[in-house]
PDB file of N, CA and C in Angstrom:
ATOM      1  N   MET A   1       5.830  24.121   1.685  1.00  0.00           N
ATOM      2  CA  MET A   1       6.906  23.412   1.021  1.00  0.00           C
ATOM      3  C   MET A   1       6.487  23.152  -0.424  1.00  0.00           C
ATOM      4  N   SER A   2       7.363  23.467  -1.345  1.00  0.00           N
ATOM      5  CA  SER A   2       7.043  23.274  -2.760  1.00  0.00           C
ATOM      6  C   SER A   2       7.099  21.790  -3.122  1.00  0.00           C
ATOM      7  N   ASN A   3       6.504  21.455  -4.271  1.00  0.00           N
ATOM      8  CA  ASN A   3       6.543  20.059  -4.724  1.00  0.00           C
ATOM      9  C   ASN A   3       7.982  19.591  -4.908  1.00  0.00           C
ATOM     10  N   GLU A   4       8.843  20.466  -5.421  1.00  0.00           N
ATOM     11  CA  GLU A   4      10.239  20.093  -5.623  1.00  0.00           C
ATOM     12  C   GLU A   4      10.911  19.759  -4.299  1.00  0.00           C
ATOM     13  N   GLU A   5      10.633  20.567  -3.277  1.00  0.00           N
ATOM     14  CA  GLU A   5      11.204  20.304  -1.956  1.00  0.00           C
ATOM     15  C   GLU A   5      10.647  19.007  -1.371  1.00  0.00           C
ATOM     16  N   LYS A   6       9.348  18.759  -1.565  1.00  0.00           N
ATOM     17  CA  LYS A   6       8.753  17.517  -1.089  1.00  0.00           C
ATOM     18  C   LYS A   6       9.385  16.315  -1.777  1.00  0.00           C
ATOM     19  N   ILE A   7       9.601  16.435  -3.093  1.00  0.00           N
ATOM     20  CA  ILE A   7      10.188  15.329  -3.855  1.00  0.00           C
ATOM     21  C   ILE A   7      11.621  15.084  -3.401  1.00  0.00           C
ATOM     22  N   LEU A   8      12.403  16.138  -3.213  1.00  0.00           N
ATOM     23  CA  LEU A   8      13.776  15.976  -2.749  1.00  0.00           C
ATOM     24  C   LEU A   8      13.808  15.323  -1.373  1.00  0.00           C
ATOM     25  N   SER A   9      12.935  15.771  -0.486  1.00  0.00           N
ATOM     26  CA  SER A   9      12.847  15.179   0.847  1.00  0.00           C
ATOM     27  C   SER A   9      12.457  13.710   0.755  1.00  0.00           C
ATOM     28  N   MET A  10      11.470  13.407  -0.094  1.00  0.00           N
ATOM     29  CA  MET A  10      11.003  12.042  -0.272  1.00  0.00           C
ATOM     30  C   MET A  10      12.122  11.156  -0.814  1.00  0.00           C
ATOM     31  N   LEU A  11      12.833  11.644  -1.827  1.00  0.00           N
ATOM     32  CA  LEU A  11      13.901  10.854  -2.423  1.00  0.00           C
ATOM     33  C   LEU A  11      15.029  10.603  -1.429  1.00  0.00           C
ATOM     34  N   THR A  12      15.343  11.602  -0.617  1.00  0.00           N
ATOM     35  CA  THR A  12      16.369  11.430   0.410  1.00  0.00           C
ATOM     36  C   THR A  12      15.935  10.375   1.423  1.00  0.00           C
ATOM     37  N   LYS A  13      14.679  10.457   1.859  1.00  0.00           N
ATOM     38  CA  LYS A  13      14.138   9.471   2.810  1.00  0.00           C
ATOM     39  C   LYS A  13      14.142   8.080   2.189  1.00  0.00           C
ATOM     40  N   MET A  14      13.713   7.986   0.932  1.00  0.00           N
ATOM     41  CA  MET A  14      13.682   6.691   0.254  1.00  0.00           C
ATOM     42  C   MET A  14      15.086   6.110   0.141  1.00  0.00           C
ATOM     43  N   GLN A  15      16.062   6.943  -0.206  1.00  0.00           N
ATOM     44  CA  GLN A  15      17.437   6.450  -0.342  1.00  0.00           C
ATOM     45  C   GLN A  15      17.955   5.921   0.993  1.00  0.00           C
ATOM     46  N   ASN A  16      17.663   6.643   2.081  1.00  0.00           N
ATOM     47  CA  ASN A  16      18.084   6.181   3.397  1.00  0.00           C
ATOM     48  C   ASN A  16      17.419   4.862   3.757  1.00  0.00           C
ATOM     49  N   ASP A  17      16.124   4.743   3.473  1.00  0.00           N
ATOM     50  CA  ASP A  17      15.400   3.506   3.770  1.00  0.00           C
ATOM     51  C   ASP A  17      15.908   2.347   2.911  1.00  0.00           C
ATOM     52  N   ILE A  18      16.187   2.618   1.636  1.00  0.00           N
ATOM     53  CA  ILE A  18      16.713   1.583   0.742  1.00  0.00           C
ATOM     54  C   ILE A  18      18.091   1.136   1.214  1.00  0.00           C
ATOM     55  N   ASP A  19      18.926   2.084   1.622  1.00  0.00           N
ATOM     56  CA  ASP A  19      20.253   1.732   2.130  1.00  0.00           C
ATOM     57  C   ASP A  19      20.139   0.854   3.376  1.00  0.00           C
ATOM     58  N   ALA A  20      19.200   1.186   4.264  1.00  0.00           N
ATOM     59  CA  ALA A  20      19.002   0.373   5.472  1.00  0.00           C
ATOM     60  C   ALA A  20      18.525  -1.032   5.112  1.00  0.00           C
ATOM     61  N   LEU A  21      17.575  -1.141   4.164  1.00  0.00           N
ATOM     62  CA  LEU A  21      17.115  -2.462   3.723  1.00  0.00           C
ATOM     63  C   LEU A  21      18.248  -3.245   3.073  1.00  0.00           C
ATOM     64  N   ARG A  22      19.043  -2.585   2.256  1.00  0.00           N
ATOM     65  CA  ARG A  22      20.172  -3.248   1.595  1.00  0.00           C
ATOM     66  C   ARG A  22      21.160  -3.780   2.638  1.00  0.00           C
ATOM     67  N   THR A  23      21.429  -2.992   3.663  1.00  0.00           N
ATOM     68  CA  THR A  23      22.316  -3.423   4.732  1.00  0.00           C
ATOM     69  C   THR A  23      21.752  -4.649   5.437  1.00  0.00           C
ATOM     70  N   ASP A  24      20.444  -4.628   5.732  1.00  0.00           N
ATOM     71  CA  ASP A  24      19.800  -5.774   6.376  1.00  0.00           C
ATOM     72  C   ASP A  24      19.874  -7.019   5.496  1.00  0.00           C
ATOM     73  N   ILE A  25      19.609  -6.856   4.205  1.00  0.00           N
ATOM     74  CA  ILE A  25      19.626  -7.996   3.283  1.00  0.00           C
ATOM     75  C   ILE A  25      21.037  -8.565   3.175  1.00  0.00           C
ATOM     76  N   ASN A  26      22.034  -7.699   3.072  1.00  0.00           N
ATOM     77  CA  ASN A  26      23.416  -8.167   2.986  1.00  0.00           C
ATOM     78  C   ASN A  26      23.834  -8.891   4.261  1.00  0.00           C
ATOM     79  N   ALA A  27      23.396  -8.384   5.411  1.00  0.00           N
ATOM     80  CA  ALA A  27      23.722  -9.049   6.672  1.00  0.00           C
ATOM     81  C   ALA A  27      23.109 -10.443   6.721  1.00  0.00           C
ATOM     82  N   ILE A  28      21.885 -10.567   6.227  1.00  0.00           N
ATOM     83  CA  ILE A  28      21.216 -11.873   6.206  1.00  0.00           C
ATOM     84  C   ILE A  28      21.929 -12.810   5.234  1.00  0.00           C
ATOM     85  N   LYS A  29      22.276 -12.303   4.048  1.00  0.00           N
ATOM     86  CA  LYS A  29      22.962 -13.129   3.046  1.00  0.00           C
ATOM     87  C   LYS A  29      24.318 -13.604   3.539  1.00  0.00           C
ATOM     88  N   ASN A  30      25.031 -12.757   4.269  1.00  0.00           N
ATOM     89  CA  ASN A  30      26.379 -13.079   4.718  1.00  0.00           C
ATOM     90  C   ASN A  30      26.409 -13.958   5.953  1.00  0.00           C
ATOM     91  N   ASN A  31      25.301 -14.118   6.611  1.00  0.00           N
ATOM     92  CA  ASN A  31      25.230 -14.967   7.798  1.00  0.00           C
ATOM     93  C   ASN A  31      25.070 -16.403   7.336  1.00  0.00           C
ATOM     94  N   SER A  32      26.036 -17.249   7.650  1.00  0.00           N
ATOM     95  CA  SER A  32      25.994 -18.624   7.159  1.00  0.00           C
ATOM     96  C   SER A  32      24.877 -19.438   7.798  1.00  0.00           C
ATOM     97  N   ASN A  33      24.463 -19.085   8.988  1.00  0.00           N
ATOM     98  CA  ASN A  33      23.389 -19.807   9.684  1.00  0.00           C
ATOM     99  C   ASN A  33      22.335 -18.840  10.215  1.00  0.00           C
ATOM    100  N   PRO A  34      21.630 -18.135   9.349  1.00  0.00           N
ATOM    101  CA  PRO A  34      20.641 -17.175   9.865  1.00  0.00           C
ATOM    102  C   PRO A  34      19.478 -17.896  10.539  1.00  0.00           C
ATOM    103  N   GLU A  35      18.983 -17.279  11.558  1.00  0.00           N
ATOM    104  CA  GLU A  35      17.787 -17.813  12.227  1.00  0.00           C
ATOM    105  C   GLU A  35      16.591 -17.606  11.294  1.00  0.00           C
ATOM    106  N   PRO A  36      15.618 -18.510  11.284  1.00  0.00           N
ATOM    107  CA  PRO A  36      14.470 -18.361  10.376  1.00  0.00           C
ATOM    108  C   PRO A  36      13.762 -17.015  10.498  1.00  0.00           C
ATOM    109  N   GLU A  37      13.632 -16.483  11.719  1.00  0.00           N
ATOM    110  CA  GLU A  37      12.928 -15.222  11.879  1.00  0.00           C
ATOM    111  C   GLU A  37      13.739 -14.040  11.351  1.00  0.00           C
ATOM    112  N   GLU A  38      15.049 -14.240  11.099  1.00  0.00           N
ATOM    113  CA  GLU A  38      15.874 -13.178  10.568  1.00  0.00           C
ATOM    114  C   GLU A  38      15.797 -13.096   9.044  1.00  0.00           C
ATOM    115  N   LYS A  39      15.339 -14.150   8.402  1.00  0.00           N
ATOM    116  CA  LYS A  39      15.294 -14.163   6.946  1.00  0.00           C
ATOM    117  C   LYS A  39      14.217 -13.201   6.452  1.00  0.00           C
ATOM    118  N   MET A  40      14.565 -12.448   5.444  1.00  0.00           N
ATOM    119  CA  MET A  40      13.632 -11.493   4.863  1.00  0.00           C
ATOM    120  C   MET A  40      13.283 -12.000   3.468  1.00  0.00           C
ATOM    121  N   THR A  41      12.020 -12.249   3.237  1.00  0.00           N
ATOM    122  CA  THR A  41      11.620 -12.737   1.917  1.00  0.00           C
ATOM    123  C   THR A  41      11.624 -11.582   0.924  1.00  0.00           C
ATOM    124  N   GLN A  42      11.668 -11.925  -0.349  1.00  0.00           N
ATOM    125  CA  GLN A  42      11.655 -10.898  -1.390  1.00  0.00           C
ATOM    126  C   GLN A  42      10.365 -10.084  -1.292  1.00  0.00           C
ATOM    127  N   ARG A  43       9.255 -10.752  -0.999  1.00  0.00           N
ATOM    128  CA  ARG A  43       7.974 -10.043  -0.851  1.00  0.00           C
ATOM    129  C   ARG A  43       8.046  -9.026   0.285  1.00  0.00           C
ATOM    130  N   GLU A  44       8.659  -9.390   1.399  1.00  0.00           N
ATOM    131  CA  GLU A  44       8.786  -8.464   2.523  1.00  0.00           C
ATOM    132  C   GLU A  44       9.625  -7.242   2.135  1.00  0.00           C
ATOM    133  N   VAL A  45      10.667  -7.485   1.348  1.00  0.00           N
ATOM    134  CA  VAL A  45      11.498  -6.371   0.894  1.00  0.00           C
ATOM    135  C   VAL A  45      10.677  -5.431   0.020  1.00  0.00           C
ATOM    136  N   PHE A  46       9.946  -5.990  -0.954  1.00  0.00           N
ATOM    137  CA  PHE A  46       9.133  -5.149  -1.836  1.00  0.00           C
ATOM    138  C   PHE A  46       8.023  -4.429  -1.072  1.00  0.00           C
ATOM    139  N   MET A  47       7.407  -5.101  -0.112  1.00  0.00           N
ATOM    140  CA  MET A  47       6.361  -4.451   0.684  1.00  0.00           C
ATOM    141  C   MET A  47       6.967  -3.313   1.508  1.00  0.00           C
ATOM    142  N   GLY A  48       8.163  -3.528   2.024  1.00  0.00           N
ATOM    143  CA  GLY A  48       8.842  -2.469   2.764  1.00  0.00           C
ATOM    144  C   GLY A  48       9.118  -1.269   1.877  1.00  0.00           C
ATOM    145  N   LEU A  49       9.576  -1.532   0.657  1.00  0.00           N
ATOM    146  CA  LEU A  49       9.827  -0.438  -0.281  1.00  0.00           C
ATOM    147  C   LEU A  49       8.538   0.269  -0.664  1.00  0.00           C
ATOM    148  N   ALA A  50       7.462  -0.491  -0.844  1.00  0.00           N
ATOM    149  CA  ALA A  50       6.183   0.098  -1.237  1.00  0.00           C
ATOM    150  C   ALA A  50       5.620   0.991  -0.137  1.00  0.00           C
ATOM    151  N   ASN A  51       5.947   0.690   1.100  1.00  0.00           N
ATOM    152  CA  ASN A  51       5.402   1.452   2.218  1.00  0.00           C
ATOM    153  C   ASN A  51       6.262   2.648   2.616  1.00  0.00           C
ATOM    154  N   LEU A  52       7.293   2.947   1.833  1.00  0.00           N
ATOM    155  CA  LEU A  52       8.181   4.051   2.178  1.00  0.00           C
ATOM    156  C   LEU A  52       7.534   5.418   1.990  1.00  0.00           C
ATOM    157  N   LEU A  53       6.579   5.512   1.084  1.00  0.00           N
ATOM    158  CA  LEU A  53       5.963   6.803   0.787  1.00  0.00           C
ATOM    159  C   LEU A  53       4.722   7.031   1.625  1.00  0.00           C
ATOM    160  N   ASP A  54       4.607   8.238   2.174  1.00  0.00           N
ATOM    161  CA  ASP A  54       3.347   8.581   2.824  1.00  0.00           C
ATOM    162  C   ASP A  54       2.441   9.237   1.774  1.00  0.00           C
ATOM    163  N   ASP A  55       1.218   9.567   2.148  1.00  0.00           N
ATOM    164  CA  ASP A  55       0.247  10.084   1.181  1.00  0.00           C
ATOM    165  C   ASP A  55       0.709  11.384   0.516  1.00  0.00           C
ATOM    166  N   ASP A  56       1.289  12.299   1.302  1.00  0.00           N
ATOM    167  CA  ASP A  56       1.772  13.564   0.732  1.00  0.00           C
ATOM    168  C   ASP A  56       2.882  13.319  -0.283  1.00  0.00           C
ATOM    169  N   GLU A  57       3.774  12.378   0.029  1.00  0.00           N
ATOM    170  CA  GLU A  57       4.867  12.071  -0.886  1.00  0.00           C
ATOM    171  C   GLU A  57       4.345  11.431  -2.166  1.00  0.00           C
ATOM    172  N   LYS A  58       3.364  10.544  -2.029  1.00  0.00           N
ATOM    173  CA  LYS A  58       2.769   9.921  -3.211  1.00  0.00           C
ATOM    174  C   LYS A  58       2.110  10.971  -4.098  1.00  0.00           C
ATOM    175  N   GLU A  59       1.408  11.924  -3.471  1.00  0.00           N
ATOM    176  CA  GLU A  59       0.743  12.988  -4.228  1.00  0.00           C
ATOM    177  C   GLU A  59       1.771  13.879  -4.931  1.00  0.00           C
ATOM    178  N   ALA A  60       2.832  14.265  -4.211  1.00  0.00           N
ATOM    179  CA  ALA A  60       3.865  15.118  -4.803  1.00  0.00           C
ATOM    180  C   ALA A  60       4.553  14.397  -5.954  1.00  0.00           C
ATOM    181  N   LEU A  61       4.848  13.111  -5.768  1.00  0.00           N
ATOM    182  CA  LEU A  61       5.498  12.356  -6.832  1.00  0.00           C
ATOM    183  C   LEU A  61       4.563  12.208  -8.029  1.00  0.00           C
ATOM    184  N   GLY A  62       3.284  11.982  -7.777  1.00  0.00           N
ATOM    185  CA  GLY A  62       2.311  11.881  -8.864  1.00  0.00           C
ATOM    186  C   GLY A  62       2.238  13.161  -9.672  1.00  0.00           C
ATOM    187  N   LYS A  63       2.196  14.295  -8.992  1.00  0.00           N
ATOM    188  CA  LYS A  63       2.160  15.587  -9.683  1.00  0.00           C
ATOM    189  C   LYS A  63       3.438  15.810 -10.481  1.00  0.00           C
ATOM    190  N   TYR A  64       4.559  15.434  -9.902  1.00  0.00           N
ATOM    191  CA  TYR A  64       5.831  15.582 -10.597  1.00  0.00           C
ATOM    192  C   TYR A  64       5.852  14.719 -11.858  1.00  0.00           C
ATOM    193  N   MET A  65       5.391  13.475 -11.747  1.00  0.00           N
ATOM    194  CA  MET A  65       5.386  12.570 -12.896  1.00  0.00           C
ATOM    195  C   MET A  65       4.459  13.092 -13.993  1.00  0.00           C
ATOM    196  N   GLU A  66       3.304  13.635 -13.615  1.00  0.00           N
ATOM    197  CA  GLU A  66       2.382  14.214 -14.595  1.00  0.00           C
ATOM    198  C   GLU A  66       3.042  15.395 -15.317  1.00  0.00           C
ATOM    199  N   ALA A  67       3.726  16.250 -14.548  1.00  0.00           N
ATOM    200  CA  ALA A  67       4.402  17.405 -15.149  1.00  0.00           C
ATOM    201  C   ALA A  67       5.523  16.941 -16.079  1.00  0.00           C
ATOM    202  N   GLU A  68       6.255  15.908 -15.689  1.00  0.00           N
ATOM    203  CA  GLU A  68       7.328  15.375 -16.537  1.00  0.00           C
ATOM    204  C   GLU A  68       6.776  14.789 -17.834  1.00  0.00           C
ATOM    205  N   GLU A  69       5.676  14.062 -17.739  1.00  0.00           N
ATOM    206  CA  GLU A  69       5.064  13.491 -18.943  1.00  0.00           C
ATOM    207  C   GLU A  69       4.584  14.602 -19.877  1.00  0.00           C
ATOM    208  N   ALA A  70       3.989  15.656 -19.305  1.00  0.00           N
ATOM    209  CA  ALA A  70       3.529  16.786 -20.123  1.00  0.00           C
ATOM    210  C   ALA A  70       4.711  17.488 -20.777  1.00  0.00           C
ATOM    211  N   ARG A  71       5.792  17.644 -20.030  1.00  0.00           N
ATOM    212  CA  ARG A  71       6.998  18.287 -20.573  1.00  0.00           C
ATOM    213  C   ARG A  71       7.574  17.460 -21.724  1.00  0.00           C
ATOM    214  N   LYS A  72       7.669  16.161 -21.520  1.00  0.00           N
ATOM    215  CA  LYS A  72       8.214  15.280 -22.568  1.00  0.00           C
ATOM    216  C   LYS A  72       7.313  15.292 -23.806  1.00  0.00           C
ATOM    217  N   ALA A  73       6.002  15.290 -23.587  1.00  0.00           N
ATOM    218  CA  ALA A  73       5.064  15.321 -24.713  1.00  0.00           C
ATOM    219  C   ALA A  73       5.214  16.618 -25.499  1.00  0.00           C
ATOM    220  N   ALA A  74       5.410  17.720 -24.775  1.00  0.00           N
ATOM    221  CA  ALA A  74       5.586  19.018 -25.444  1.00  0.00           C
ATOM    222  C   ALA A  74       6.906  19.077 -26.213  1.00  0.00           C
ATOM    223  N   LEU A  75       7.947  18.486 -25.641  1.00  0.00           N
ATOM    224  CA  LEU A  75       9.260  18.517 -26.299  1.00  0.00           C
ATOM    225  C   LEU A  75       9.346  17.566 -27.478  1.00  0.00           C
ATOM    226  N   TYR A  76       8.795  16.371 -27.308  1.00  0.00           N
ATOM    227  CA  TYR A  76       8.990  15.337 -28.313  1.00  0.00           C
ATOM    228  C   TYR A  76       7.719  15.012 -29.095  1.00  0.00           C
ATOM    229  N   GLY A  77       6.620  15.683 -28.701  1.00  0.00           N
ATOM    230  CA  GLY A  77       5.328  15.577 -29.357  1.00  0.00           C
ATOM    231  C   GLY A  77       5.002  14.310 -29.958  1.00  0.00           C
TER     232      GLY A  77
END
């Protein structure tokens, strides 16, 4: 699988996970009497987002970001 395919797969997975988290957060916000164990703290949300990438995805994204920075440097010097 090429880096581009890995990145597309990763972004699709991330979008699905973000949509699921957003749905959970909205459900909690809209519940007038949420149970304490149902409340999701901001830290839990960020930790959930941080854990969305596996090692291969992190590596592919890192390589992509390096290539983008090199491209921008070459274009805009």
